[in-house]
Protein backbone atom coordinates (compact mmCIF):
# COMPACT_ATOMS: atom_id res chain seq x y z
CA UNK A 1 0.00 0.00 0.00
CA UNK A 2 1.34 3.48 -0.89
CA UNK A 3 2.25 5.78 1.96
CA UNK A 4 0.99 9.34 1.26
CA UNK A 5 3.56 10.77 3.68
CA UNK A 6 6.52 9.26 1.80
CA UNK A 7 9.01 12.13 1.18
CA UNK A 8 10.35 10.38 -1.91
CA UNK A 9 7.17 11.05 -3.81
CA UNK A 10 6.68 14.35 -5.63
CA UNK A 11 3.48 16.06 -6.65
CA UNK A 12 0.12 16.46 -4.99
CA UNK A 13 -1.20 13.04 -5.92
CA UNK A 14 -0.19 10.49 -3.24
CA UNK A 15 -1.37 7.57 -5.37
CA UNK A 16 1.43 8.04 -7.90
CA UNK A 17 4.26 5.50 -7.70
CA UNK A 18 7.45 6.52 -5.96
CA UNK A 19 10.00 8.23 -8.19
CA UNK A 20 13.60 7.15 -8.29
CA UNK A 21 16.36 9.54 -7.27
CA UNK A 22 17.23 10.04 -10.93
CA UNK A 23 13.64 10.87 -11.83
CA UNK A 24 13.43 13.36 -8.98
CA UNK A 25 16.72 14.89 -10.10
CA UNK A 26 15.48 15.29 -13.66
CA UNK A 27 12.08 16.72 -12.77
CA UNK A 28 12.35 18.39 -9.37
CA UNK A 29 15.77 18.16 -7.72
CA UNK A 30 15.25 20.81 -5.01
CA UNK A 31 14.09 18.35 -2.36
CA UNK A 32 16.95 15.84 -2.73
CA UNK A 33 19.05 15.44 0.39
CA UNK A 34 22.41 15.28 -1.38
CA UNK A 35 21.59 18.50 -3.21
CA UNK A 36 20.89 20.29 0.06
CA UNK A 37 24.22 19.06 1.45
CA UNK A 38 26.01 20.12 -1.74
CA UNK A 39 24.43 23.56 -1.45
CA UNK A 40 25.97 23.99 2.00
CA UNK A 41 29.41 23.02 0.65
CA UNK A 42 29.03 25.41 -2.28
CA UNK A 43 27.74 28.24 -0.09
CA UNK A 44 30.22 28.16 2.77
CA UNK A 45 33.25 27.44 0.61
CA UNK A 46 32.37 30.43 -1.60
CA UNK A 47 31.86 32.67 1.44
CA UNK A 48 35.15 31.50 2.96
CA UNK A 49 37.26 32.34 -0.10
CA UNK A 50 35.05 35.12 -1.46
CA UNK A 51 37.65 37.85 -0.90
CA UNK A 52 40.25 35.73 -2.68
CA UNK A 53 37.90 35.25 -5.66
CA UNK A 54 37.31 39.00 -5.96
CA UNK A 55 41.05 39.78 -5.74
CA UNK A 56 42.16 37.34 -8.45
CA UNK A 57 39.19 38.24 -10.64
CA UNK A 58 39.78 42.00 -10.59
CA UNK A 59 43.57 41.72 -10.79
CA UNK A 60 43.28 39.23 -13.65
CA UNK A 61 41.19 41.67 -15.66
CA UNK A 62 43.59 44.48 -14.82
CA UNK A 63 46.61 42.71 -16.35
CA UNK A 64 45.05 41.64 -19.65
CA UNK A 65 46.57 44.68 -21.42
CA UNK A 66 49.99 44.23 -19.81
CA UNK A 67 51.81 43.68 -23.10
CA UNK A 68 49.98 46.47 -24.91
CA UNK A 69 50.62 48.92 -22.07
CA UNK A 70 54.35 48.45 -22.46
CA UNK A 71 54.12 49.00 -26.20
CA UNK A 72 52.00 52.15 -25.75
CA UNK A 73 54.14 53.77 -23.04
CA UNK A 74 57.65 52.74 -24.05
CA UNK A 75 58.36 53.40 -27.76
CA UNK A 76 60.19 50.69 -29.65
CA UNK A 77 61.56 53.10 -32.24
CA UNK A 78 62.66 56.74 -32.42
CA UNK A 79 60.12 59.21 -33.90
CA UNK A 80 62.21 59.83 -37.04
CA UNK A 81 65.33 57.94 -38.07
CA UNK A 82 66.63 60.70 -40.34
CA UNK A 83 70.28 61.64 -40.77
CA UNK A 84 73.38 60.13 -39.20
CA UNK A 85 72.83 58.79 -35.68
CA UNK A 86 75.19 59.57 -32.84
CA UNK A 87 77.51 56.73 -31.90
CA UNK A 88 80.56 55.97 -29.81
CA UNK A 89 82.17 58.89 -27.97
CA UNK A 90 79.85 61.40 -29.65
CA UNK A 91 76.82 59.55 -28.31
CA UNK A 92 78.38 59.35 -24.86
CA UNK A 93 79.04 63.10 -24.80
CA UNK A 94 75.43 63.87 -25.88
CA UNK A 95 74.08 61.60 -23.16
CA UNK A 96 76.25 63.28 -20.53
CA UNK A 97 74.97 66.71 -21.60
CA UNK A 98 71.31 65.68 -21.40
CA UNK A 99 71.68 63.85 -18.08
CA UNK A 100 74.26 66.14 -16.49
CA UNK A 101 72.76 65.69 -13.01
CA UNK A 102 73.22 61.92 -13.14
CA UNK A 103 76.04 59.45 -13.08
CA UNK A 104 76.05 57.54 -16.36
CA UNK A 105 76.25 53.82 -15.61
CA UNK A 106 75.70 52.44 -19.10
CA UNK A 107 74.93 53.54 -22.64
CA UNK A 108 73.67 50.68 -24.80
CA UNK A 109 73.44 51.34 -28.54
CA UNK A 110 70.88 49.57 -30.75
CA UNK A 111 71.83 45.99 -31.58
CA UNK A 112 69.15 44.82 -34.03
CA UNK A 113 67.66 47.88 -35.72
CA UNK A 114 69.20 51.34 -36.23
CA UNK A 115 65.88 53.07 -35.38
CA UNK A 116 65.72 51.55 -31.91
CA UNK A 117 66.34 54.10 -29.12
CA UNK A 118 69.50 54.04 -27.05
CA UNK A 119 69.19 52.55 -23.57
CA UNK A 120 70.75 54.67 -20.83
CA UNK A 121 71.27 53.51 -17.25
CA UNK A 122 71.59 56.32 -14.68
CA UNK A 123 72.24 56.80 -10.97
CA UNK A 124 71.61 59.72 -8.62
CA UNK A 125 71.63 59.78 -4.81
CA UNK A 126 71.93 56.02 -4.73
CA UNK A 127 68.79 55.45 -6.83
CA UNK A 128 69.13 53.90 -10.27
CA UNK A 129 66.86 54.53 -13.26
CA UNK A 130 66.83 53.92 -16.99
CA UNK A 131 65.84 56.16 -19.89
CA UNK A 132 65.45 55.98 -23.64
CA UNK A 133 67.53 58.35 -25.74
CA UNK A 134 67.03 59.43 -29.36
CA UNK A 135 70.42 59.10 -31.05
CA UNK A 136 69.20 61.05 -34.11
CA UNK A 137 68.02 64.21 -32.32
CA UNK A 138 69.94 63.91 -29.05
CA UNK A 139 66.85 64.21 -26.80
CA UNK A 140 65.40 62.17 -23.96
CA UNK A 141 62.49 59.85 -24.89
CA UNK A 142 61.26 59.00 -21.41
CA UNK A 143 61.46 56.39 -18.68
CA UNK A 144 61.80 52.74 -19.67
CA UNK A 145 59.70 51.75 -16.64
CA UNK A 146 57.06 54.47 -16.12
CA UNK A 147 54.67 54.55 -13.18
CA UNK A 148 51.69 52.96 -15.01
CA UNK A 149 53.88 49.96 -15.85
CA UNK A 150 55.01 49.73 -12.23
CA UNK A 151 51.37 49.68 -11.14
CA UNK A 152 50.64 47.03 -13.77
CA UNK A 153 53.47 44.82 -12.49
CA UNK A 154 52.09 45.22 -8.96
CA UNK A 155 48.77 43.84 -10.21
CA UNK A 156 50.61 41.02 -12.00
CA UNK A 157 52.36 40.03 -8.77
CA UNK A 158 49.06 40.29 -6.90
CA UNK A 159 47.34 38.04 -9.43
CA UNK A 160 50.16 35.49 -9.74
CA UNK A 161 51.57 35.38 -6.22
CA UNK A 162 49.21 37.40 -3.98
CA UNK A 163 52.26 39.63 -3.24
CA UNK A 164 53.75 36.77 -1.21
CA UNK A 165 56.22 35.08 -3.55
CA UNK A 166 56.16 31.29 -3.77
CA UNK A 167 53.93 31.07 -0.71
CA UNK A 168 51.33 33.18 -2.48
CA UNK A 169 51.65 31.03 -5.60
CA UNK A 170 50.94 27.94 -3.49
CA UNK A 171 47.92 29.63 -1.90
CA UNK A 172 46.75 30.47 -5.41
CA UNK A 173 46.93 26.80 -6.35
CA UNK A 174 44.94 25.76 -3.28
CA UNK A 175 42.44 28.49 -4.09
CA UNK A 176 42.16 27.08 -7.61
CA UNK A 177 41.30 23.67 -6.15
CA UNK A 178 38.59 25.23 -3.98
CA UNK A 179 37.21 27.11 -6.97
CA UNK A 180 37.03 23.82 -8.90
CA UNK A 181 34.84 22.43 -6.12
CA UNK A 182 32.67 25.56 -6.24
CA UNK A 183 32.37 25.38 -10.03
CA UNK A 184 31.41 21.70 -10.16
CA UNK A 185 29.02 21.94 -7.22
CA UNK A 186 27.50 25.04 -8.79
CA UNK A 187 26.96 23.15 -12.03
CA UNK A 188 25.03 20.45 -10.16
CA UNK A 189 23.03 23.00 -8.18
CA UNK A 190 22.23 25.02 -11.30
CA UNK A 191 19.92 22.32 -12.71
CA UNK A 192 16.38 23.45 -11.75
CA UNK A 193 14.42 20.61 -13.32
CA UNK A 194 13.39 19.73 -16.84
CA UNK A 195 10.55 22.24 -17.00
CA UNK A 196 12.57 25.26 -15.78
CA UNK A 197 16.12 24.91 -17.10
CA UNK A 198 15.65 27.36 -19.99
CA UNK A 199 14.57 30.09 -17.57
CA UNK A 200 17.82 29.67 -15.62
CA UNK A 201 19.89 30.51 -18.71
CA UNK A 202 18.59 34.05 -19.18
CA UNK A 203 17.90 37.20 -17.18
CA UNK A 204 14.44 38.71 -17.30
CA UNK A 205 13.99 41.79 -15.10
CA UNK A 206 10.22 41.41 -15.37
CA UNK A 207 10.32 37.97 -13.76
CA UNK A 208 8.54 38.03 -10.38
CA UNK A 209 9.35 34.63 -8.91
CA UNK A 210 13.13 35.17 -8.77
CA UNK A 211 15.06 38.33 -7.83
CA UNK A 212 17.37 39.85 -10.41
CA UNK A 213 20.51 38.95 -8.46
CA UNK A 214 19.47 35.29 -8.40
CA UNK A 215 18.86 35.36 -12.16
CA UNK A 216 22.25 36.99 -12.79
CA UNK A 217 24.01 34.41 -10.61
CA UNK A 218 22.31 31.54 -12.40
CA UNK A 219 22.77 32.86 -15.94
CA UNK A 220 26.40 33.87 -15.42
CA UNK A 221 27.16 30.48 -13.92
CA UNK A 222 25.72 28.70 -16.94
CA UNK A 223 27.38 30.77 -19.67
CA UNK A 224 30.73 31.16 -17.92
CA UNK A 225 31.06 27.57 -16.70
CA UNK A 226 33.74 26.61 -19.24
CA UNK A 227 35.89 29.68 -18.57
CA UNK A 228 35.53 29.35 -14.81
CA UNK A 229 36.76 25.79 -15.17
CA UNK A 230 39.71 26.91 -17.34
CA UNK A 231 40.77 29.64 -14.90
CA UNK A 232 40.59 27.33 -11.87
CA UNK A 233 42.38 24.42 -13.55
CA UNK A 234 45.23 26.55 -14.91
CA UNK A 235 45.61 28.25 -11.52
CA UNK A 236 46.24 24.80 -10.06
CA UNK A 237 48.75 24.07 -12.84
CA UNK A 238 50.70 27.31 -12.30
CA UNK A 239 51.16 26.44 -8.62
CA UNK A 240 51.54 22.66 -8.90
CA UNK A 241 52.82 21.79 -12.41
CA UNK A 242 54.45 18.52 -11.36
CA UNK A 243 51.31 16.29 -11.46
CA UNK A 244 50.40 17.62 -14.91
CA UNK A 245 53.94 17.11 -16.21
CA UNK A 246 54.06 13.61 -14.72
CA UNK A 247 50.77 12.69 -16.39
CA UNK A 248 51.90 13.92 -19.82
CA UNK A 249 55.25 12.13 -19.45
CA UNK A 250 53.47 8.92 -18.45
CA UNK A 251 51.20 9.05 -21.50
CA UNK A 252 54.07 9.80 -23.88
CA UNK A 253 54.99 6.62 -25.74
CA UNK A 254 57.44 8.28 -28.13
CA UNK A 255 59.94 10.60 -26.49
CA UNK A 256 61.64 11.36 -29.82
CA UNK A 257 58.76 13.37 -31.31
CA UNK A 258 59.15 16.29 -28.83
CA UNK A 259 55.40 16.36 -28.27
CA UNK A 260 53.54 14.87 -25.35
CA UNK A 261 49.86 13.89 -25.23
CA UNK A 262 47.79 16.72 -23.83
CA UNK A 263 50.54 19.32 -24.08
CA UNK A 264 48.88 21.30 -26.86
CA UNK A 265 45.59 21.24 -24.95
CA UNK A 266 47.36 22.57 -21.85
CA UNK A 267 48.98 25.38 -23.86
CA UNK A 268 45.55 26.25 -25.27
CA UNK A 269 44.12 26.46 -21.75
CA UNK A 270 46.95 28.78 -20.71
CA UNK A 271 46.28 31.03 -23.72
CA UNK A 272 42.60 31.07 -22.76
CA UNK A 273 43.49 31.95 -19.18
CA UNK A 274 45.30 35.12 -20.26
CA UNK A 275 43.45 35.89 -23.49
CA UNK A 276 46.66 35.58 -25.51
CA UNK A 277 45.09 35.65 -28.94
CA UNK A 278 43.16 37.97 -31.18
CA UNK A 279 43.33 41.75 -31.23
CA UNK A 280 42.14 44.54 -28.98
CA UNK A 281 38.52 43.44 -29.32
CA UNK A 282 39.28 40.01 -27.86
CA UNK A 283 41.37 41.49 -25.06
CA UNK A 284 38.66 43.98 -24.19
CA UNK A 285 36.18 41.11 -24.04
CA UNK A 286 38.60 39.20 -21.78
CA UNK A 287 38.75 42.17 -19.40
CA UNK A 288 34.96 42.03 -19.07
CA UNK A 289 34.60 38.28 -18.65
CA UNK A 290 37.50 38.30 -16.20
CA UNK A 291 35.20 40.12 -13.80
CA UNK A 292 32.62 37.31 -13.88
CA UNK A 293 34.06 35.41 -10.87
CA UNK A 294 33.79 38.59 -8.78
CA UNK A 295 30.24 39.16 -10.07
CA UNK A 296 29.34 35.55 -9.26
CA UNK A 297 30.52 35.94 -5.67
CA UNK A 298 28.78 39.30 -5.18
CA UNK A 299 25.44 38.14 -6.59
CA UNK A 300 25.61 34.88 -4.67
CA UNK A 301 26.42 36.71 -1.45
CA UNK A 302 23.48 39.08 -1.95
CA UNK A 303 21.12 36.15 -2.58
CA UNK A 304 22.34 34.46 0.60
CA UNK A 305 22.07 37.62 2.74
CA UNK A 306 18.56 38.31 1.55
CA UNK A 307 17.56 34.77 2.42
CA UNK A 308 19.09 35.09 5.89
CA UNK A 309 17.39 38.43 6.47
CA UNK A 310 14.07 37.07 5.26
CA UNK A 311 14.31 34.14 7.67
CA UNK A 312 15.21 36.52 10.48
CA UNK A 313 12.18 38.70 9.83
CA UNK A 314 9.97 35.63 9.62
CA UNK A 315 11.22 34.48 13.02
CA UNK A 316 10.63 37.87 14.59
CA UNK A 317 7.07 38.08 13.24
CA UNK A 318 6.11 34.58 14.39
CA UNK A 319 3.62 34.60 17.31
CA UNK A 320 5.15 33.88 20.69
CA UNK A 321 3.54 31.03 22.60
CA UNK A 322 3.68 31.60 26.32
CA UNK A 323 2.48 29.50 29.19
CA UNK A 324 -0.88 30.40 30.74
CA UNK A 325 -0.95 30.52 34.53
CA UNK A 326 -3.26 27.99 36.06
CA UNK A 327 -6.02 29.06 38.37
CA UNK A 328 -6.15 27.95 42.02
């Protein structure tokens, strides 16, 4: 005889046969016990490393244009390579006139192309610096390491090593492992049931049953799943390359071909991590999608806080049951 109180049965009709776990997962997974437990893992792990996620997300987007910034701020050629360039002692004398307040440590003339600027190493009051010098006009061309590039390298160190050297790189790898758990658990939790999965892929501000932050969290998680996986996996590789190298070496049956199984795929993942392909349009797009992990944490945190606040208000508004004194 069917038990109407059986929790493994979904729907209002208690006479329907019991559904299997798989059937409940496909149609209505919200009541499954393992899903509730997975939600707690996903939630508290994300809250625990939320600050880390925001830091690596923002810093990762900040360094996408690292190579272009150097090209924009530090010219690779002199403005006009016209006439006979200064060289030898004549170049040295011109450099000493322009930088008369400095001690000249080195003057390096172009080695590959005649229109490359001269590299000058200087010292004053114990501080060293380097400048570019136009050997055709005899004028200074600027710092070889300007302040914007110094700021960029600070962000690079923050993103790669959390400003803590090898220790920070190791923490980054552990963080990547945690993010992998968050990504895979989020993928399982994302599934809302066969009749609602399309709604979880898009954001509709007019939707009344789900707040906008919840919709953003769900939609971003779906569309960015592959990239989130790439970023987390490569973060683990950068910190702990040995297991990856061991696996590729173990699968390599021909050491004479200089190519190991999976090596090209790994290089592709690294290029995807940094956006090392395409032009400015691709890099601009990578700056934007690099902020998705931070957006995922922020939207998820807001959803959680609203739920906590709602439960708190519900508890405060619940009627208080007090004992009634008995008469004598």
